[in-house]
Amino acid sequence: MMIYGAVDMAGHIAFLEDHDRGMCIWNWLADDVDAKKALIIRSMEKYPDHSPTGIIIALIERDCGKFPRAQENTIE
């Protein structure tokens, strides 16, 4: 299921900046897989105009803290 890949990748990205947040994210789905999958599906049904990735990130951030936001690209 693609949800596992999205959550795993988010955990890797977060781990680079904050080990505790990365561990929280990796454990987020694993703690109760069926309940989290149901939450994600309900959220996608409730917010059909939002991207699936955005919904997953919002749910993770609610439990594990905010991701650092990207800086404006300054490459010329």
Foldseek 3Di string as FASTA:
>chain_A
DCLLVLLLVVLVLVCVPPVQLSVLSNVVCVVDVVVVVVVLVVQCVVCVVDDSSVSSQVVSCVRRNHDDDDDPDPDD
